[in-house]
Amino acid sequence: MFAQGVGRTETALGAFCRLLSARVGKAKTVAATARKIAVLFRNTVRHGMEHSDSGASHYEERYRRRVLTNLERRAKSLGHVLQEAPAPA
């Protein structure tokens, strides 16, 4: 039940939920988010770890870097080079 509402929060889990929802739909997103919460809970209980949320902006920045790295890798495999567009004035 918590996994359904986490998408409206400004946490890393909320950002994960929003990005995944745009790609695969709401039903799969709820299942994936519930699993992620269960894994975090299990690791906290089993290993005595503390979960500290890094926030939505941190998660979205990591996601952006990962997407750019994948695009650069794909462009390189096709014989192209990505160039950064000039910033709008």
Protein backbone atom coordinates (compact mmCIF):
# COMPACT_ATOMS: atom_id res chain seq x y z
CA MET A 1 0.00 0.00 0.00
CA PHE A 2 2.87 2.36 0.81
CA ALA A 3 4.35 1.71 -2.65
CA GLN A 4 1.30 3.33 -4.27
CA GLY A 5 1.78 6.67 -2.54
CA VAL A 6 5.55 6.90 -2.57
CA GLY A 7 5.51 8.39 -6.08
CA ARG A 8 4.19 11.67 -4.69
CA THR A 9 7.08 12.15 -2.26
CA GLU A 10 10.29 14.11 -2.83
CA THR A 11 12.53 11.16 -1.98
CA ALA A 12 14.82 8.91 -4.01
CA LEU A 13 12.08 6.25 -3.94
CA GLY A 14 9.59 8.80 -5.22
CA ALA A 15 11.88 9.76 -8.09
CA PHE A 16 12.44 6.07 -8.89
CA CYS A 17 8.70 5.51 -8.91
CA ARG A 18 7.97 8.48 -11.20
CA LEU A 19 10.68 7.61 -13.74
CA LEU A 20 9.69 3.95 -13.84
CA SER A 21 5.99 4.79 -14.11
CA ALA A 22 6.63 6.82 -17.24
CA ARG A 23 8.40 3.84 -18.83
CA VAL A 24 6.46 0.72 -17.81
CA GLY A 25 3.11 1.80 -16.37
CA LYS A 26 1.56 2.06 -12.94
CA ALA A 27 0.99 -1.62 -12.11
CA LYS A 28 4.57 -2.71 -12.75
CA THR A 29 5.85 0.41 -11.01
CA VAL A 30 3.94 -0.41 -7.82
CA ALA A 31 5.33 -3.96 -7.82
CA ALA A 32 8.91 -2.80 -8.46
CA THR A 33 8.68 -0.10 -5.79
CA ALA A 34 7.21 -2.54 -3.26
CA ARG A 35 10.09 -4.93 -3.95
CA LYS A 36 12.63 -2.12 -3.55
CA ILE A 37 11.08 -1.13 -0.21
CA ALA A 38 11.13 -4.79 0.92
CA VAL A 39 14.81 -5.14 0.00
CA LEU A 40 15.67 -1.93 1.87
CA PHE A 41 13.74 -3.16 4.91
CA ARG A 42 15.39 -6.61 4.77
CA ASN A 43 18.89 -5.13 4.53
CA THR A 44 18.13 -2.79 7.42
CA VAL A 45 16.94 -5.64 9.65
CA ARG A 46 19.43 -8.28 8.54
CA HIS A 47 22.61 -6.22 8.47
CA GLY A 48 21.68 -3.48 10.90
CA MET A 49 22.15 -0.88 8.19
CA GLU A 50 20.54 2.51 8.37
CA HIS A 51 18.76 3.80 5.29
CA SER A 52 19.45 7.44 4.60
CA ASP A 53 17.48 8.88 1.73
CA SER A 54 19.60 10.96 -0.63
CA GLY A 55 16.60 12.79 -2.06
CA ALA A 56 14.92 13.00 -5.42
CA SER A 57 17.39 15.46 -6.95
CA HIS A 58 20.33 13.15 -6.21
CA TYR A 59 18.51 10.16 -7.73
CA GLU A 60 17.48 12.14 -10.81
CA GLU A 61 21.06 13.39 -11.33
CA ARG A 62 22.41 9.83 -11.13
CA TYR A 63 19.71 8.73 -13.59
CA ARG A 64 20.65 11.55 -15.98
CA ARG A 65 24.36 10.62 -15.84
CA ARG A 66 23.51 6.96 -16.46
CA VAL A 67 21.36 7.83 -19.49
CA LEU A 68 24.08 10.07 -20.94
CA THR A 69 26.73 7.38 -20.44
CA ASN A 70 24.54 4.83 -22.20
CA LEU A 71 23.88 7.25 -25.08
CA GLU A 72 27.60 7.93 -25.47
CA ARG A 73 28.33 4.20 -25.49
CA ARG A 74 25.65 3.52 -28.12
CA ALA A 75 26.82 6.42 -30.30
CA LYS A 76 30.40 5.19 -30.10
CA SER A 77 29.36 1.66 -31.11
CA LEU A 78 27.66 3.16 -34.18
CA GLY A 79 30.72 5.26 -35.05
CA HIS A 80 29.34 8.60 -33.86
CA VAL A 81 30.39 11.09 -31.20
CA LEU A 82 27.94 12.99 -29.01
CA GLN A 83 28.54 16.69 -28.59
CA GLU A 84 27.01 18.93 -25.98
CA ALA A 85 24.56 21.45 -27.40
CA PRO A 86 25.32 25.11 -26.72
CA ALA A 87 23.42 26.57 -23.79
CA PRO A 88 20.47 28.76 -24.83
CA ALA A 89 21.02 32.45 -24.15
